[in-house]
Amino acid sequence: MNSQSNEIKKDYDFINESLINVYDSIMRIEESEIRRSRFKDITAKEVHLVHTIGLHDRKTTSQVAHILKLSKGTLTANLNTLERKGYVMRIANQEDHRIINLGLTSKGRLLYRAHDAFHKLLVQRFLKGFDNDEIHLIKQAMVNLEEFIDEVSAK
């Protein structure tokens, strides 16, 4: 193995380990923050579902399932739990009452705003010190990662 191959392997190992550590750390921080907040009845995964519904207000269950790459049945089970806990509501579509859209209750909107503020701080810290060209490269790397996730999820 030449030195360039060794450097590429080191870079790969570093990035792979960093992705795992970042994901684990974010989930651990969020779980800890949830336990100290008034939202003690919800998991970090449920918080992310509330956040997705907040980002995509008034989408249908099928649309949100597609965004999250979940089956409609899995999403429905999670929605039932979040509706029972008072975070999510189902709303009849104004144009076609046969269509049910998803929205957040006042409790859900409060959680969404708190969670969104955490993620904004996270991204600001992540991008601290990078210039526009470097941020563009990071965005391209994120697109590549999302495309890979889409490909793997479609299998």
N, C-alpha and C. Protein backbone atom coordinates (compact mmCIF):
# COMPACT_ATOMS: atom_id res chain seq x y z
N MET A 1 0.85 -1.19 0.00
CA MET A 1 0.00 0.00 0.00
C MET A 1 0.89 1.24 0.00
N ASN A 2 0.60 2.17 -0.90
CA ASN A 2 1.42 3.39 -0.93
C ASN A 2 0.91 4.41 0.07
N SER A 3 1.65 5.50 0.24
CA SER A 3 1.28 6.49 1.27
C SER A 3 -0.04 7.19 0.94
N GLN A 4 -0.34 7.37 -0.37
CA GLN A 4 -1.61 7.99 -0.74
C GLN A 4 -2.78 7.08 -0.34
N SER A 5 -2.63 5.78 -0.54
CA SER A 5 -3.67 4.82 -0.14
C SER A 5 -3.84 4.82 1.38
N ASN A 6 -2.73 4.90 2.10
CA ASN A 6 -2.81 4.97 3.56
C ASN A 6 -3.56 6.21 4.02
N GLU A 7 -3.29 7.34 3.38
CA GLU A 7 -3.97 8.60 3.73
C GLU A 7 -5.47 8.49 3.44
N ILE A 8 -5.83 7.92 2.32
CA ILE A 8 -7.25 7.75 1.97
C ILE A 8 -7.93 6.86 3.00
N LYS A 9 -7.28 5.76 3.38
CA LYS A 9 -7.85 4.87 4.40
C LYS A 9 -8.01 5.60 5.73
N LYS A 10 -7.01 6.38 6.12
CA LYS A 10 -7.10 7.15 7.36
C LYS A 10 -8.26 8.14 7.29
N ASP A 11 -8.40 8.82 6.14
CA ASP A 11 -9.50 9.77 5.97
C ASP A 11 -10.85 9.05 6.06
N TYR A 12 -10.96 7.90 5.37
CA TYR A 12 -12.18 7.11 5.41
C TYR A 12 -12.50 6.71 6.85
N ASP A 13 -11.51 6.16 7.54
CA ASP A 13 -11.73 5.72 8.93
C ASP A 13 -12.16 6.88 9.81
N PHE A 14 -11.51 8.02 9.65
CA PHE A 14 -11.85 9.19 10.45
C PHE A 14 -13.29 9.63 10.19
N ILE A 15 -13.66 9.74 8.91
CA ILE A 15 -15.02 10.19 8.56
C ILE A 15 -16.05 9.18 9.04
N ASN A 16 -15.80 7.90 8.83
CA ASN A 16 -16.74 6.87 9.25
C ASN A 16 -16.94 6.91 10.76
N GLU A 17 -15.85 6.97 11.50
CA GLU A 17 -15.96 7.01 12.97
C GLU A 17 -16.65 8.30 13.43
N SER A 18 -16.35 9.40 12.77
CA SER A 18 -16.97 10.68 13.13
C SER A 18 -18.48 10.65 12.90
N LEU A 19 -18.92 10.09 11.78
CA LEU A 19 -20.37 10.01 11.51
C LEU A 19 -21.07 9.19 12.60
N ILE A 20 -20.47 8.08 12.97
CA ILE A 20 -21.06 7.24 14.02
C ILE A 20 -21.08 7.99 15.35
N ASN A 21 -19.96 8.60 15.70
CA ASN A 21 -19.88 9.33 16.97
C ASN A 21 -20.85 10.51 17.02
N VAL A 22 -20.95 11.25 15.92
CA VAL A 22 -21.85 12.40 15.89
C VAL A 22 -23.30 11.94 16.06
N TYR A 23 -23.71 10.92 15.31
CA TYR A 23 -25.08 10.41 15.44
C TYR A 23 -25.36 9.96 16.88
N ASP A 24 -24.46 9.13 17.41
CA ASP A 24 -24.66 8.64 18.78
C ASP A 24 -24.70 9.78 19.78
N SER A 25 -23.81 10.75 19.63
CA SER A 25 -23.75 11.87 20.57
C SER A 25 -25.00 12.74 20.51
N ILE A 26 -25.46 13.02 19.31
CA ILE A 26 -26.67 13.84 19.17
C ILE A 26 -27.85 13.13 19.82
N MET A 27 -28.00 11.84 19.57
CA MET A 27 -29.11 11.10 20.18
C MET A 27 -28.98 11.10 21.71
N ARG A 28 -27.78 10.91 22.23
CA ARG A 28 -27.56 10.90 23.67
C ARG A 28 -27.87 12.27 24.29
N ILE A 29 -27.40 13.34 23.63
CA ILE A 29 -27.67 14.70 24.11
C ILE A 29 -29.17 14.97 24.10
N GLU A 30 -29.83 14.61 23.00
CA GLU A 30 -31.27 14.85 22.91
C GLU A 30 -32.04 14.07 23.96
N GLU A 31 -31.68 12.81 24.17
CA GLU A 31 -32.36 12.01 25.21
C GLU A 31 -32.17 12.67 26.58
N SER A 32 -30.96 13.12 26.85
CA SER A 32 -30.67 13.76 28.13
C SER A 32 -31.46 15.06 28.29
N GLU A 33 -31.50 15.86 27.25
CA GLU A 33 -32.25 17.13 27.29
C GLU A 33 -33.74 16.88 27.46
N ILE A 34 -34.23 15.85 26.80
CA ILE A 34 -35.66 15.52 26.93
C ILE A 34 -35.99 15.19 28.39
N ARG A 35 -35.14 14.39 29.03
CA ARG A 35 -35.38 13.99 30.42
C ARG A 35 -35.37 15.18 31.37
N ARG A 36 -34.63 16.24 31.03
CA ARG A 36 -34.57 17.43 31.88
C ARG A 36 -35.64 18.46 31.50
N SER A 37 -36.37 18.21 30.43
CA SER A 37 -37.35 19.18 29.96
C SER A 37 -38.75 18.81 30.46
N ARG A 38 -39.71 19.57 30.00
CA ARG A 38 -41.10 19.25 30.35
C ARG A 38 -41.66 18.16 29.45
N PHE A 39 -40.88 17.71 28.45
CA PHE A 39 -41.33 16.70 27.49
C PHE A 39 -40.77 15.33 27.86
N LYS A 40 -41.04 14.88 29.05
CA LYS A 40 -40.46 13.63 29.55
C LYS A 40 -41.12 12.38 28.97
N ASP A 41 -42.24 12.55 28.29
CA ASP A 41 -43.00 11.42 27.80
C ASP A 41 -42.67 11.05 26.35
N ILE A 42 -41.56 11.54 25.82
CA ILE A 42 -41.27 11.36 24.40
C ILE A 42 -39.81 10.93 24.22
N THR A 43 -39.55 10.12 23.20
CA THR A 43 -38.19 9.67 22.91
C THR A 43 -37.56 10.60 21.86
N ALA A 44 -36.25 10.48 21.70
CA ALA A 44 -35.55 11.30 20.70
C ALA A 44 -36.07 10.97 19.29
N LYS A 45 -36.35 9.71 19.01
CA LYS A 45 -36.90 9.34 17.69
C LYS A 45 -38.26 10.00 17.48
N GLU A 46 -39.07 10.02 18.52
CA GLU A 46 -40.38 10.67 18.40
C GLU A 46 -40.21 12.17 18.21
N VAL A 47 -39.22 12.77 18.87
CA VAL A 47 -38.95 14.20 18.70
C VAL A 47 -38.64 14.48 17.23
N HIS A 48 -37.86 13.61 16.61
CA HIS A 48 -37.50 13.81 15.20
C HIS A 48 -38.72 13.66 14.29
N LEU A 49 -39.65 12.82 14.65
CA LEU A 49 -40.89 12.71 13.88
C LEU A 49 -41.71 13.98 14.03
N VAL A 50 -41.82 14.49 15.25
CA VAL A 50 -42.52 15.77 15.48
C VAL A 50 -41.85 16.87 14.65
N HIS A 51 -40.52 16.88 14.66
CA HIS A 51 -39.77 17.90 13.91
C HIS A 51 -40.07 17.81 12.41
N THR A 52 -40.10 16.59 11.88
CA THR A 52 -40.40 16.41 10.45
C THR A 52 -41.80 16.89 10.12
N ILE A 53 -42.76 16.59 10.97
CA ILE A 53 -44.13 17.06 10.74
C ILE A 53 -44.17 18.58 10.80
N GLY A 54 -43.42 19.17 11.73
CA GLY A 54 -43.35 20.62 11.81
C GLY A 54 -42.74 21.24 10.56
N LEU A 55 -41.72 20.60 10.01
CA LEU A 55 -41.09 21.10 8.77
C LEU A 55 -42.01 20.96 7.57
N HIS A 56 -42.84 19.93 7.58
CA HIS A 56 -43.71 19.62 6.44
C HIS A 56 -45.17 19.68 6.87
N ASP A 57 -45.56 20.80 7.41
CA ASP A 57 -46.91 21.00 7.95
C ASP A 57 -47.97 20.71 6.89
N ARG A 58 -48.99 20.02 7.32
CA ARG A 58 -50.17 19.71 6.52
C ARG A 58 -49.91 18.71 5.39
N LYS A 59 -48.88 17.89 5.54
CA LYS A 59 -48.65 16.80 4.60
C LYS A 59 -49.47 15.60 5.05
N THR A 60 -49.72 14.68 4.14
CA THR A 60 -50.45 13.46 4.48
C THR A 60 -49.50 12.45 5.11
N THR A 61 -50.08 11.40 5.68
CA THR A 61 -49.26 10.33 6.25
C THR A 61 -48.37 9.72 5.18
N SER A 62 -48.91 9.49 3.99
CA SER A 62 -48.12 8.91 2.90
C SER A 62 -46.94 9.81 2.53
N GLN A 63 -47.18 11.12 2.48
CA GLN A 63 -46.10 12.05 2.13
C GLN A 63 -45.01 12.06 3.20
N VAL A 64 -45.40 12.08 4.46
CA VAL A 64 -44.41 12.07 5.55
C VAL A 64 -43.67 10.73 5.58
N ALA A 65 -44.37 9.63 5.35
CA ALA A 65 -43.71 8.32 5.30
C ALA A 65 -42.65 8.30 4.20
N HIS A 66 -42.97 8.88 3.06
CA HIS A 66 -42.01 8.96 1.95
C HIS A 66 -40.79 9.79 2.35
N ILE A 67 -41.02 10.93 2.97
CA ILE A 67 -39.92 11.81 3.41
C ILE A 67 -39.00 11.07 4.38
N LEU A 68 -39.59 10.32 5.30
CA LEU A 68 -38.82 9.62 6.34
C LEU A 68 -38.34 8.24 5.91
N LYS A 69 -38.78 7.81 4.72
CA LYS A 69 -38.41 6.49 4.21
C LYS A 69 -38.88 5.38 5.14
N LEU A 70 -40.12 5.55 5.63
CA LEU A 70 -40.76 4.57 6.49
C LEU A 70 -41.97 4.00 5.78
N SER A 71 -42.40 2.82 6.22
CA SER A 71 -43.66 2.31 5.70
C SER A 71 -44.80 3.13 6.32
N LYS A 72 -45.90 3.19 5.60
CA LYS A 72 -47.05 3.93 6.11
C LYS A 72 -47.55 3.32 7.43
N GLY A 73 -47.49 1.99 7.53
CA GLY A 73 -47.93 1.31 8.76
C GLY A 73 -47.07 1.65 9.96
N THR A 74 -45.74 1.68 9.76
CA THR A 74 -44.83 2.04 10.85
C THR A 74 -45.08 3.47 11.28
N LEU A 75 -45.22 4.36 10.31
CA LEU A 75 -45.47 5.76 10.63
C LEU A 75 -46.80 5.92 11.36
N THR A 76 -47.83 5.24 10.90
CA THR A 76 -49.15 5.35 11.53
C THR A 76 -49.10 4.93 13.00
N ALA A 77 -48.39 3.86 13.30
CA ALA A 77 -48.27 3.42 14.70
C ALA A 77 -47.60 4.50 15.54
N ASN A 78 -46.54 5.12 15.01
CA ASN A 78 -45.86 6.20 15.73
C ASN A 78 -46.76 7.43 15.86
N LEU A 79 -47.51 7.74 14.83
CA LEU A 79 -48.43 8.89 14.87
C LEU A 79 -49.51 8.68 15.92
N ASN A 80 -50.02 7.46 16.01
CA ASN A 80 -51.05 7.16 17.02
C ASN A 80 -50.52 7.45 18.42
N THR A 81 -49.27 7.05 18.67
CA THR A 81 -48.65 7.30 19.98
C THR A 81 -48.49 8.80 20.21
N LEU A 82 -47.99 9.52 19.21
CA LEU A 82 -47.77 10.97 19.36
C LEU A 82 -49.09 11.72 19.48
N GLU A 83 -50.12 11.23 18.83
CA GLU A 83 -51.44 11.86 18.95
C GLU A 83 -51.99 11.64 20.37
N ARG A 84 -51.81 10.43 20.89
CA ARG A 84 -52.26 10.12 22.25
C ARG A 84 -51.50 10.98 23.29
N LYS A 85 -50.23 11.25 23.02
CA LYS A 85 -49.42 12.07 23.94
C LYS A 85 -49.66 13.57 23.76
N GLY A 86 -50.41 13.93 22.72
CA GLY A 86 -50.79 15.33 22.55
C GLY A 86 -49.84 16.19 21.73
N TYR A 87 -48.99 15.58 20.89
CA TYR A 87 -48.03 16.33 20.08
C TYR A 87 -48.50 16.53 18.64
N VAL A 88 -49.25 15.58 18.13
CA VAL A 88 -49.63 15.57 16.71
C VAL A 88 -51.15 15.50 16.61
N MET A 89 -51.66 16.11 15.55
CA MET A 89 -53.10 16.01 15.27
C MET A 89 -53.31 15.72 13.79
N ARG A 90 -54.42 15.05 13.54
CA ARG A 90 -54.83 14.79 12.16
C ARG A 90 -55.91 15.80 11.81
N ILE A 91 -55.78 16.39 10.62
CA ILE A 91 -56.67 17.49 10.22
C ILE A 91 -57.27 17.17 8.86
N ALA A 92 -58.59 17.33 8.75
CA ALA A 92 -59.24 17.11 7.46
C ALA A 92 -58.79 18.19 6.47
N ASN A 93 -58.45 17.76 5.27
CA ASN A 93 -58.03 18.67 4.21
C ASN A 93 -59.20 19.58 3.84
N GLN A 94 -58.93 20.86 3.63
CA GLN A 94 -59.99 21.84 3.33
C GLN A 94 -60.68 21.57 2.00
N GLU A 95 -59.91 21.16 0.98
CA GLU A 95 -60.51 20.92 -0.34
C GLU A 95 -61.17 19.56 -0.47
N ASP A 96 -60.61 18.56 0.18
CA ASP A 96 -61.12 17.20 0.08
C ASP A 96 -61.09 16.57 1.46
N HIS A 97 -62.25 16.47 2.09
CA HIS A 97 -62.33 15.97 3.47
C HIS A 97 -61.98 14.50 3.61
N ARG A 98 -61.81 13.79 2.49
CA ARG A 98 -61.36 12.40 2.57
C ARG A 98 -59.86 12.32 2.85
N ILE A 99 -59.15 13.41 2.59
CA ILE A 99 -57.70 13.47 2.80
C ILE A 99 -57.42 14.01 4.19
N ILE A 100 -56.57 13.31 4.91
CA ILE A 100 -56.20 13.73 6.26
C ILE A 100 -54.76 14.22 6.25
N ASN A 101 -54.56 15.43 6.73
CA ASN A 101 -53.23 16.01 6.82
C ASN A 101 -52.75 15.94 8.26
N LEU A 102 -51.44 16.03 8.43
CA LEU A 102 -50.83 16.00 9.75
C LEU A 102 -50.41 17.39 10.17
N GLY A 103 -50.57 17.68 11.44
CA GLY A 103 -50.14 18.96 11.99
C GLY A 103 -49.72 18.79 13.44
N LEU A 104 -49.20 19.84 13.99
CA LEU A 104 -48.75 19.81 15.38
C LEU A 104 -49.75 20.54 16.27
N THR A 105 -49.92 20.01 17.47
CA THR A 105 -50.72 20.69 18.49
C THR A 105 -49.85 21.82 19.06
N SER A 106 -50.39 22.60 19.97
CA SER A 106 -49.58 23.65 20.59
C SER A 106 -48.39 23.03 21.34
N LYS A 107 -48.61 21.90 22.00
CA LYS A 107 -47.51 21.19 22.68
C LYS A 107 -46.46 20.73 21.67
N GLY A 108 -46.92 20.22 20.53
CA GLY A 108 -46.02 19.78 19.47
C GLY A 108 -45.23 20.94 18.87
N ARG A 109 -45.88 22.09 18.68
CA ARG A 109 -45.18 23.27 18.14
C ARG A 109 -44.12 23.78 19.11
N LEU A 110 -44.42 23.73 20.40
CA LEU A 110 -43.44 24.15 21.41
C LEU A 110 -42.21 23.23 21.36
N LEU A 111 -42.44 21.94 21.29
CA LEU A 111 -41.34 20.98 21.18
C LEU A 111 -40.57 21.21 19.87
N TYR A 112 -41.28 21.41 18.78
CA TYR A 112 -40.64 21.65 17.48
C TYR A 112 -39.70 22.86 17.55
N ARG A 113 -40.16 23.96 18.12
CA ARG A 113 -39.33 25.17 18.21
C ARG A 113 -38.08 24.94 19.06
N ALA A 114 -38.23 24.23 20.17
CA ALA A 114 -37.08 23.95 21.03
C ALA A 114 -36.07 23.05 20.32
N HIS A 115 -36.56 22.04 19.65
CA HIS A 115 -35.69 21.10 18.93
C HIS A 115 -35.03 21.79 17.74
N ASP A 116 -35.76 22.61 17.04
CA ASP A 116 -35.21 23.34 15.89
C ASP A 116 -34.10 24.29 16.34
N ALA A 117 -34.28 24.94 17.48
CA ALA A 117 -33.24 25.85 18.00
C ALA A 117 -31.95 25.08 18.29
N PHE A 118 -32.07 23.88 18.86
CA PHE A 118 -30.88 23.06 19.13
C PHE A 118 -30.16 22.73 17.82
N HIS A 119 -30.92 22.32 16.82
CA HIS A 119 -30.28 21.95 15.54
C HIS A 119 -29.68 23.15 14.82
N LYS A 120 -30.28 24.31 14.95
CA LYS A 120 -29.67 25.52 14.36
C LYS A 120 -28.32 25.81 15.00
N LEU A 121 -28.25 25.69 16.32
CA LEU A 121 -26.97 25.88 17.01
C LEU A 121 -25.95 24.83 16.58
N LEU A 122 -26.39 23.60 16.43
CA LEU A 122 -25.53 22.51 16.00
C LEU A 122 -24.92 22.80 14.63
N VAL A 123 -25.75 23.23 13.69
CA VAL A 123 -25.27 23.52 12.33
C VAL A 123 -24.35 24.74 12.33
N GLN A 124 -24.72 25.78 13.10
CA GLN A 124 -23.86 26.96 13.18
C GLN A 124 -22.47 26.58 13.68
N ARG A 125 -22.41 25.74 14.72
CA ARG A 125 -21.11 25.33 15.25
C ARG A 125 -20.36 24.46 14.25
N PHE A 126 -21.08 23.60 13.55
CA PHE A 126 -20.47 22.72 12.55
C PHE A 126 -19.82 23.54 11.44
N LEU A 127 -20.46 24.62 11.01
CA LEU A 127 -19.97 25.41 9.89
C LEU A 127 -19.04 26.55 10.31
N LYS A 128 -18.83 26.72 11.61
CA LYS A 128 -18.00 27.81 12.12
C LYS A 128 -16.61 27.78 11.49
N GLY A 129 -16.21 28.92 10.92
CA GLY A 129 -14.87 29.05 10.36
C GLY A 129 -14.73 28.64 8.91
N PHE A 130 -15.78 28.09 8.31
CA PHE A 130 -15.71 27.69 6.90
C PHE A 130 -16.12 28.85 6.00
N ASP A 131 -15.46 28.97 4.85
CA ASP A 131 -15.87 29.99 3.89
C ASP A 131 -16.94 29.41 2.96
N ASN A 132 -17.48 30.23 2.07
CA ASN A 132 -18.59 29.80 1.20
C ASN A 132 -18.22 28.61 0.31
N ASP A 133 -16.99 28.60 -0.22
CA ASP A 133 -16.57 27.47 -1.06
C ASP A 133 -16.52 26.17 -0.25
N GLU A 134 -16.03 26.24 0.97
CA GLU A 134 -15.96 25.06 1.82
C GLU A 134 -17.36 24.59 2.22
N ILE A 135 -18.23 25.53 2.50
CA ILE A 135 -19.62 25.17 2.83
C ILE A 135 -20.28 24.49 1.63
N HIS A 136 -19.98 24.97 0.44
CA HIS A 136 -20.53 24.34 -0.77
C HIS A 136 -20.06 22.88 -0.86
N LEU A 137 -18.79 22.62 -0.57
CA LEU A 137 -18.27 21.25 -0.59
C LEU A 137 -18.95 20.39 0.47
N ILE A 138 -19.17 20.95 1.65
CA ILE A 138 -19.86 20.20 2.71
C ILE A 138 -21.29 19.87 2.27
N LYS A 139 -21.97 20.85 1.66
CA LYS A 139 -23.33 20.60 1.18
C LYS A 139 -23.34 19.48 0.13
N GLN A 140 -22.34 19.47 -0.76
CA GLN A 140 -22.27 18.41 -1.77
C GLN A 140 -22.04 17.05 -1.12
N ALA A 141 -21.19 17.01 -0.10
CA ALA A 141 -20.96 15.76 0.62
C ALA A 141 -22.26 15.29 1.28
N MET A 142 -23.05 16.21 1.82
CA MET A 142 -24.32 15.84 2.45
C MET A 142 -25.31 15.32 1.41
N VAL A 143 -25.33 15.94 0.23
CA VAL A 143 -26.19 15.45 -0.86
C VAL A 143 -25.77 14.03 -1.24
N ASN A 144 -24.47 13.79 -1.37
CA ASN A 144 -23.98 12.45 -1.69
C ASN A 144 -24.43 11.44 -0.64
N LEU A 145 -24.35 11.82 0.62
CA LEU A 145 -24.75 10.94 1.71
C LEU A 145 -26.26 10.66 1.65
N GLU A 146 -27.05 11.69 1.42
CA GLU A 146 -28.51 11.50 1.32
C GLU A 146 -28.87 10.63 0.12
N GLU A 147 -28.18 10.80 -1.00
CA GLU A 147 -28.44 9.96 -2.17
C GLU A 147 -28.13 8.49 -1.87
N PHE A 148 -27.03 8.25 -1.16
CA PHE A 148 -26.69 6.89 -0.77
C PHE A 148 -27.77 6.31 0.14
N ILE A 149 -28.21 7.09 1.11
CA ILE A 149 -29.26 6.63 2.03
C ILE A 149 -30.53 6.33 1.26
N ASP A 150 -30.88 7.16 0.30
CA ASP A 150 -32.07 6.91 -0.54
C ASP A 150 -31.92 5.60 -1.30
N GLU A 151 -30.74 5.37 -1.87
CA GLU A 151 -30.50 4.13 -2.63
C GLU A 151 -30.63 2.90 -1.73
N VAL A 152 -30.02 2.95 -0.56
CA VAL A 152 -30.06 1.82 0.36
C VAL A 152 -31.48 1.61 0.90
N SER A 153 -32.19 2.70 1.16
CA SER A 153 -33.55 2.62 1.70
C SER A 153 -34.52 2.04 0.68
N ALA A 154 -34.24 2.23 -0.61
CA ALA A 154 -35.15 1.78 -1.66
C ALA A 154 -35.09 0.26 -1.86
N LYS A 155 -34.06 -0.37 -1.31
CA LYS A 155 -33.91 -1.82 -1.49
C LYS A 155 -34.87 -2.61 -0.66
